[in-house]
Amino acid sequence: MSKQKQNKRTWKAKLHEIIYEADTPMGKLFDVILLFLILASIVLVMIESVPSYAEKFGEILDISEWIITIFFTIEYIARIITVKKPSKYIFSFYGIVDLLSTIPKYLSILFVGTHALVALRALRLLRVFRILKLARFVGESNQLMKALKASKAKILVFLFVVFILSIILGTVMYLVEGDSGSGFTSIPRSVYWAIVTLTTVGYGDIAPVTPFGQFIAAIIMIMGYGIIAVPTGIVSAEFSRSNNDTVYLNTQACSNCNAEQHSDNAHFCHSCGEELNPSEHNG
C-alpha cells in the first residue's frame, strides 16, 4: 500500500515538475508548446474577426479553437491535481488568468459574442519570462514588481490628489465656460475634460472659447506634464533602491503552496518549508 502511495506521489511530482517548472528539458518543452498554442489561439481569434476569412474558413477555425481549448482545459485540471493545496493555484494571478482564458469558448455555446474573449490568453504569455530563463528580463521584472509594490501607497495618494484636482478644475471650468456653448454643459463633463487635459491626451471634443477659460486650460496643460512625471519618479526611486537585490533564476514551484521565486539551489520552499522535488533528492 505504501509503495502505491509512493508511486502516486512520484507520478504527481513528475507531472508537477513538467507543468510548473522550466529547469528540465520536459518542463521547458511543455511550456514552449503551451506558448505556441497560446499564440496560435490568439491568431485564430484575430483571423475569425475578419468577415471574409470567417465565412471561408469558419469551420476549420472553430475546430482548431476547440482543440486548443480542450488542451488548455486538461492543462488547467492537471495544474490543480498536482498541487497539495489547489486553492493556492486557483486563486493566484496565473490561476485566474488560466481560467478566464479557457471558459470563453464554452460560454460561446450559450452566449453569442463571448468567443472573442479568448484573446485574454495573451496574458498567459507573461510566462515566457520564466520559461526562457532570460536572466536579464527575469531580474528586471522582479525588481520592477518590487518597486511597484513599494511605491503603491505613494502612487495611490498621488492619484487621489489628481482626482480631487480634476474635480476642482472641472468645476472651475464649468463656472467659466458653462454659458459659452463650448461643451462644458455639466460638472461631470467638465471633470472629464480636466482629466483628458491633465493626462495630455487631448481628444479635442471639448475646448474652451473664452480668454479666461483658455488661460486656465493652458495652466492645466503645463501641470499635466509635471503630473505625468511624478509617478515615474516615484517608481524609479524605488527601482534604484532595489537595484542591488540578488537575482534568482530558479523556476521551481512548491507543490504544497505553489510559491515561486526560490533561491538558486534551494531544496526547501521559502514559504511553507516543503521539500522541493523530493523524488530527485531521494533518488
Protein backbone atom coordinates (compact mmCIF):
# COMPACT_ATOMS: atom_id res chain seq x y z
CA MET A 1 0.00 0.00 0.00
CA SER A 2 2.83 2.39 0.89
CA LYS A 3 4.52 1.53 -2.41
CA GLN A 4 1.37 2.52 -4.31
CA LYS A 5 1.27 5.82 -2.43
CA GLN A 6 4.95 6.38 -3.23
CA ASN A 7 4.34 5.71 -6.94
CA LYS A 8 1.34 8.06 -6.91
CA ARG A 9 3.40 10.75 -5.21
CA THR A 10 6.22 10.25 -7.69
CA TRP A 11 3.81 10.44 -10.64
CA LYS A 12 2.33 13.68 -9.34
CA ALA A 13 5.77 15.07 -8.57
CA LYS A 14 6.97 14.37 -12.10
CA LEU A 15 3.85 15.90 -13.63
CA HIS A 16 4.21 18.92 -11.34
CA GLU A 17 7.82 19.33 -12.46
CA ILE A 18 6.82 19.30 -16.13
CA ILE A 19 3.88 21.68 -15.77
CA TYR A 20 5.18 24.21 -13.24
CA GLU A 21 8.92 24.32 -13.79
CA ALA A 22 11.24 25.19 -16.65
CA ASP A 23 14.55 23.86 -15.34
CA THR A 24 14.14 20.47 -17.00
CA PRO A 25 14.04 19.66 -20.75
CA MET A 26 10.49 18.26 -20.47
CA GLY A 27 9.32 21.27 -18.48
CA LYS A 28 10.75 23.71 -20.99
CA LEU A 29 9.32 21.71 -23.92
CA PHE A 30 5.87 21.71 -22.31
CA ASP A 31 5.94 25.47 -21.72
CA VAL A 32 7.22 26.23 -25.23
CA ILE A 33 4.36 24.14 -26.70
CA LEU A 34 1.98 25.98 -24.36
CA LEU A 35 3.22 29.36 -25.59
CA PHE A 36 2.91 28.24 -29.20
CA LEU A 37 -0.71 27.18 -28.63
CA ILE A 38 -1.50 30.48 -26.89
CA LEU A 39 -0.13 32.42 -29.85
CA ALA A 40 -1.97 30.15 -32.29
CA SER A 41 -5.23 30.69 -30.42
CA ILE A 42 -4.83 34.47 -30.47
CA VAL A 43 -4.08 34.40 -34.21
CA LEU A 44 -7.18 32.26 -34.81
CA VAL A 45 -9.38 34.76 -32.97
CA MET A 46 -7.89 37.62 -34.98
CA ILE A 47 -8.47 35.81 -38.26
CA GLU A 48 -12.02 34.90 -37.27
CA SER A 49 -12.80 38.58 -36.64
CA VAL A 50 -12.28 39.26 -40.37
CA PRO A 51 -15.70 38.56 -42.01
CA SER A 52 -14.31 37.22 -45.31
CA TYR A 53 -11.98 34.76 -43.54
CA ALA A 54 -14.65 33.76 -41.03
CA GLU A 55 -17.05 32.92 -43.86
CA LYS A 56 -14.46 30.97 -45.83
CA PHE A 57 -12.60 29.14 -43.05
CA GLY A 58 -15.16 29.31 -40.23
CA GLU A 59 -15.43 25.56 -39.67
CA ILE A 60 -11.66 24.98 -39.68
CA LEU A 61 -11.10 27.88 -37.29
CA ASP A 62 -13.79 26.62 -34.93
CA ILE A 63 -12.40 23.07 -34.83
CA SER A 64 -8.86 24.35 -34.27
CA GLU A 65 -10.03 26.58 -31.44
CA TRP A 66 -11.89 23.71 -29.78
CA ILE A 67 -8.77 21.51 -29.92
CA ILE A 68 -6.71 24.24 -28.25
CA THR A 69 -9.44 24.89 -25.66
CA ILE A 70 -9.61 21.20 -24.73
CA PHE A 71 -5.82 21.15 -24.31
CA PHE A 72 -5.99 24.20 -22.03
CA THR A 73 -8.81 22.58 -20.04
CA ILE A 74 -6.75 19.44 -19.46
CA GLU A 75 -3.75 21.60 -18.54
CA TYR A 76 -5.82 23.61 -16.05
CA ILE A 77 -7.13 20.44 -14.37
CA ALA A 78 -3.61 18.97 -14.29
CA ARG A 79 -2.29 22.09 -12.59
CA ILE A 80 -4.96 21.68 -9.89
CA ILE A 81 -4.42 17.99 -9.16
CA THR A 82 -0.62 18.23 -8.97
CA VAL A 83 -0.56 20.67 -6.04
CA LYS A 84 -1.42 19.76 -2.47
CA LYS A 85 -3.37 22.99 -1.94
CA PRO A 86 -5.33 23.61 -5.18
CA SER A 87 -6.77 26.88 -3.88
CA LYS A 88 -3.27 28.38 -3.90
CA TYR A 89 -3.17 27.95 -7.68
CA ILE A 90 -6.86 28.57 -8.40
CA PHE A 91 -6.88 31.98 -6.72
CA SER A 92 -3.38 33.00 -7.82
CA PHE A 93 -2.84 35.52 -10.64
CA TYR A 94 -1.94 32.84 -13.20
CA GLY A 95 -4.72 30.57 -11.96
CA ILE A 96 -7.36 33.24 -12.59
CA VAL A 97 -5.83 34.09 -15.98
CA ASP A 98 -5.78 30.41 -16.97
CA LEU A 99 -9.45 30.03 -16.04
CA LEU A 100 -10.54 33.22 -17.82
CA SER A 101 -8.67 32.16 -20.95
CA THR A 102 -10.38 28.75 -21.01
CA ILE A 103 -14.08 29.42 -20.30
CA PRO A 104 -14.92 31.90 -23.15
CA LYS A 105 -15.11 29.13 -25.76
CA TYR A 106 -17.55 27.18 -23.60
CA LEU A 107 -19.57 30.33 -22.91
CA SER A 108 -19.83 30.96 -26.66
CA ILE A 109 -22.14 27.94 -26.85
CA LEU A 110 -24.68 29.73 -24.66
CA PHE A 111 -23.90 33.39 -25.29
CA VAL A 112 -23.14 34.86 -28.70
CA GLY A 113 -20.15 37.18 -28.92
CA THR A 114 -18.18 35.91 -25.92
CA HIS A 115 -15.83 33.84 -28.07
CA ALA A 116 -13.63 36.90 -28.72
CA LEU A 117 -12.75 36.92 -25.01
CA VAL A 118 -10.27 34.10 -25.65
CA ALA A 119 -7.90 36.91 -26.59
CA LEU A 120 -7.36 37.08 -22.81
CA ARG A 121 -4.93 34.24 -23.41
CA ALA A 122 -2.39 36.88 -24.38
CA LEU A 123 -1.92 37.44 -20.63
CA ARG A 124 -0.57 33.91 -20.36
CA LEU A 125 2.38 34.97 -22.48
CA LEU A 126 3.76 36.52 -19.29
CA ARG A 127 5.07 33.03 -18.55
CA VAL A 128 7.69 33.49 -21.29
CA PHE A 129 9.97 35.40 -18.87
CA ARG A 130 10.10 32.39 -16.54
CA ILE A 131 10.12 29.76 -19.25
CA LEU A 132 13.02 31.04 -21.31
CA LYS A 133 15.05 31.90 -18.20
CA LEU A 134 16.24 35.19 -19.63
CA ALA A 135 18.29 36.32 -16.64
CA ARG A 136 18.21 39.98 -17.50
CA PHE A 137 14.47 40.17 -18.06
CA VAL A 138 13.58 37.92 -15.12
CA GLY A 139 15.70 40.01 -12.79
CA GLU A 140 14.43 43.33 -14.09
CA SER A 141 10.79 42.22 -13.99
CA ASN A 142 11.16 41.03 -10.37
CA GLN A 143 12.80 44.32 -9.37
CA LEU A 144 10.11 46.30 -11.18
CA MET A 145 7.38 44.40 -9.31
CA LYS A 146 9.13 45.10 -6.00
CA ALA A 147 9.44 48.78 -6.91
CA LEU A 148 5.74 49.00 -7.82
CA LYS A 149 4.71 47.31 -4.55
CA ALA A 150 6.99 49.56 -2.50
CA SER A 151 5.63 52.72 -4.15
CA LYS A 152 1.98 51.60 -4.11
CA ALA A 153 0.96 53.83 -1.18
CA LYS A 154 2.64 56.91 -2.62
CA ILE A 155 1.09 56.38 -6.04
CA LEU A 156 -2.39 55.87 -4.54
CA VAL A 157 -2.10 59.11 -2.58
CA PHE A 158 -0.87 60.88 -5.71
CA LEU A 159 -3.78 59.54 -7.80
CA PHE A 160 -6.23 60.63 -5.10
CA VAL A 161 -4.79 64.16 -5.22
CA VAL A 162 -5.05 64.19 -9.01
CA PHE A 163 -8.67 63.02 -8.78
CA ILE A 164 -9.54 65.82 -6.33
CA LEU A 165 -7.67 68.32 -8.51
CA SER A 166 -9.63 67.18 -11.58
CA ILE A 167 -12.92 67.75 -9.76
CA ILE A 168 -11.86 71.25 -8.67
CA LEU A 169 -10.55 72.24 -12.11
CA GLY A 170 -13.59 70.75 -13.82
CA THR A 171 -15.91 72.71 -11.56
CA VAL A 172 -13.98 75.94 -12.21
CA MET A 173 -14.15 75.37 -15.98
CA TYR A 174 -17.88 74.73 -15.73
CA LEU A 175 -18.35 78.06 -13.97
CA VAL A 176 -16.19 79.87 -16.52
CA GLU A 177 -17.34 78.15 -19.72
CA GLY A 178 -20.80 76.91 -18.77
CA ASP A 179 -22.72 79.60 -20.68
CA SER A 180 -20.37 79.90 -23.66
CA GLY A 181 -21.75 76.93 -25.61
CA SER A 182 -18.29 75.34 -25.81
CA GLY A 183 -19.39 71.93 -24.49
CA PHE A 184 -18.98 72.39 -20.72
CA THR A 185 -22.63 71.55 -20.15
CA SER A 186 -22.23 69.92 -16.72
CA ILE A 187 -19.69 69.42 -13.96
CA PRO A 188 -19.11 65.69 -14.78
CA ARG A 189 -18.45 66.60 -18.42
CA SER A 190 -16.11 69.37 -17.32
CA VAL A 191 -14.28 66.96 -14.99
CA TYR A 192 -13.92 64.58 -17.94
CA TRP A 193 -12.30 67.43 -19.92
CA ALA A 194 -9.97 68.21 -17.00
CA ILE A 195 -8.81 64.57 -16.80
CA VAL A 196 -8.25 64.39 -20.57
CA THR A 197 -6.27 67.64 -20.46
CA LEU A 198 -4.21 66.76 -17.36
CA THR A 199 -3.17 63.47 -18.93
CA THR A 200 -2.19 65.34 -22.13
CA VAL A 201 -4.49 63.09 -24.18
CA GLY A 202 -6.46 65.98 -25.65
CA TYR A 203 -9.31 64.47 -27.66
CA GLY A 204 -10.48 67.91 -28.75
CA ASP A 205 -14.19 67.11 -28.39
CA ILE A 206 -14.49 69.92 -25.80
CA ALA A 207 -12.45 73.12 -25.88
CA PRO A 208 -12.72 76.46 -24.03
CA VAL A 209 -13.57 79.55 -26.09
CA THR A 210 -13.38 82.36 -23.55
CA PRO A 211 -9.99 84.04 -22.90
CA PHE A 212 -10.09 83.23 -19.19
CA GLY A 213 -11.06 79.63 -19.90
CA GLN A 214 -8.20 79.29 -22.37
CA PHE A 215 -5.81 80.75 -19.80
CA ILE A 216 -6.90 78.16 -17.23
CA ALA A 217 -6.61 75.41 -19.88
CA ALA A 218 -3.03 76.48 -20.64
CA ILE A 219 -2.12 76.19 -16.94
CA ILE A 220 -3.74 72.73 -16.75
CA MET A 221 -1.79 71.57 -19.81
CA ILE A 222 1.50 72.66 -18.25
CA MET A 223 0.55 70.96 -14.99
CA GLY A 224 -0.16 67.80 -16.98
CA TYR A 225 3.49 67.36 -17.94
CA GLY A 226 4.53 67.54 -14.31
CA ILE A 227 1.78 65.17 -13.20
CA ILE A 228 2.89 62.51 -15.69
CA ALA A 229 6.47 62.70 -14.38
CA VAL A 230 5.58 62.23 -10.69
CA PRO A 231 4.62 58.50 -10.66
CA THR A 232 7.55 57.74 -12.96
CA GLY A 233 9.90 59.39 -10.47
CA ILE A 234 8.37 57.52 -7.53
CA VAL A 235 8.78 54.13 -9.19
CA SER A 236 12.27 55.00 -10.49
CA ALA A 237 13.43 55.92 -6.96
CA GLU A 238 12.17 52.61 -5.56
CA PHE A 239 13.62 50.75 -8.53
CA SER A 240 17.10 52.17 -7.90
CA ARG A 241 16.87 51.19 -4.25
CA SER A 242 16.16 47.56 -5.15
CA ASN A 243 18.69 47.52 -8.00
CA ASN A 244 21.29 45.75 -5.85
CA ASP A 245 18.98 42.89 -4.87
CA THR A 246 20.07 39.36 -5.71
CA VAL A 247 18.55 37.94 -8.89
CA TYR A 248 17.39 34.31 -8.69
CA LEU A 249 16.87 32.19 -11.81
CA ASN A 250 15.26 29.23 -10.04
CA THR A 251 11.89 28.40 -11.64
CA GLN A 252 10.87 25.73 -9.12
CA ALA A 253 7.31 25.99 -7.79
CA CYS A 254 6.37 24.43 -4.45
CA SER A 255 3.94 21.53 -4.85
CA ASN A 256 2.38 22.33 -1.48
CA CYS A 257 1.74 26.10 -1.52
CA ASN A 258 2.65 26.90 -5.15
CA ALA A 259 5.19 29.55 -4.06
CA GLU A 260 7.84 30.56 -6.59
CA GLN A 261 10.99 32.72 -6.72
CA HIS A 262 13.11 30.37 -4.63
CA SER A 263 16.83 30.98 -4.30
CA ASP A 264 19.15 29.08 -6.61
CA ASN A 265 19.89 25.50 -5.49
CA ALA A 266 17.13 25.71 -2.88
CA HIS A 267 15.89 22.34 -1.58
CA PHE A 268 13.02 23.62 0.58
CA CYS A 269 10.21 26.11 0.00
CA HIS A 270 10.88 29.55 1.47
CA SER A 271 7.17 29.93 2.29
CA CYS A 272 5.97 26.66 3.83
CA GLY A 273 9.17 24.61 4.24
CA GLU A 274 8.01 21.80 1.91
CA GLU A 275 10.83 19.92 0.18
CA LEU A 276 11.24 20.84 -3.47
CA ASN A 277 11.35 17.87 -5.86
CA PRO A 278 11.72 15.22 -3.11
CA SER A 279 11.87 12.42 -5.70
CA GLU A 280 15.08 13.91 -7.11
CA HIS A 281 16.76 14.45 -3.77
CA ASN A 282 15.85 10.98 -2.51
CA GLY A 283 16.92 9.38 -5.73
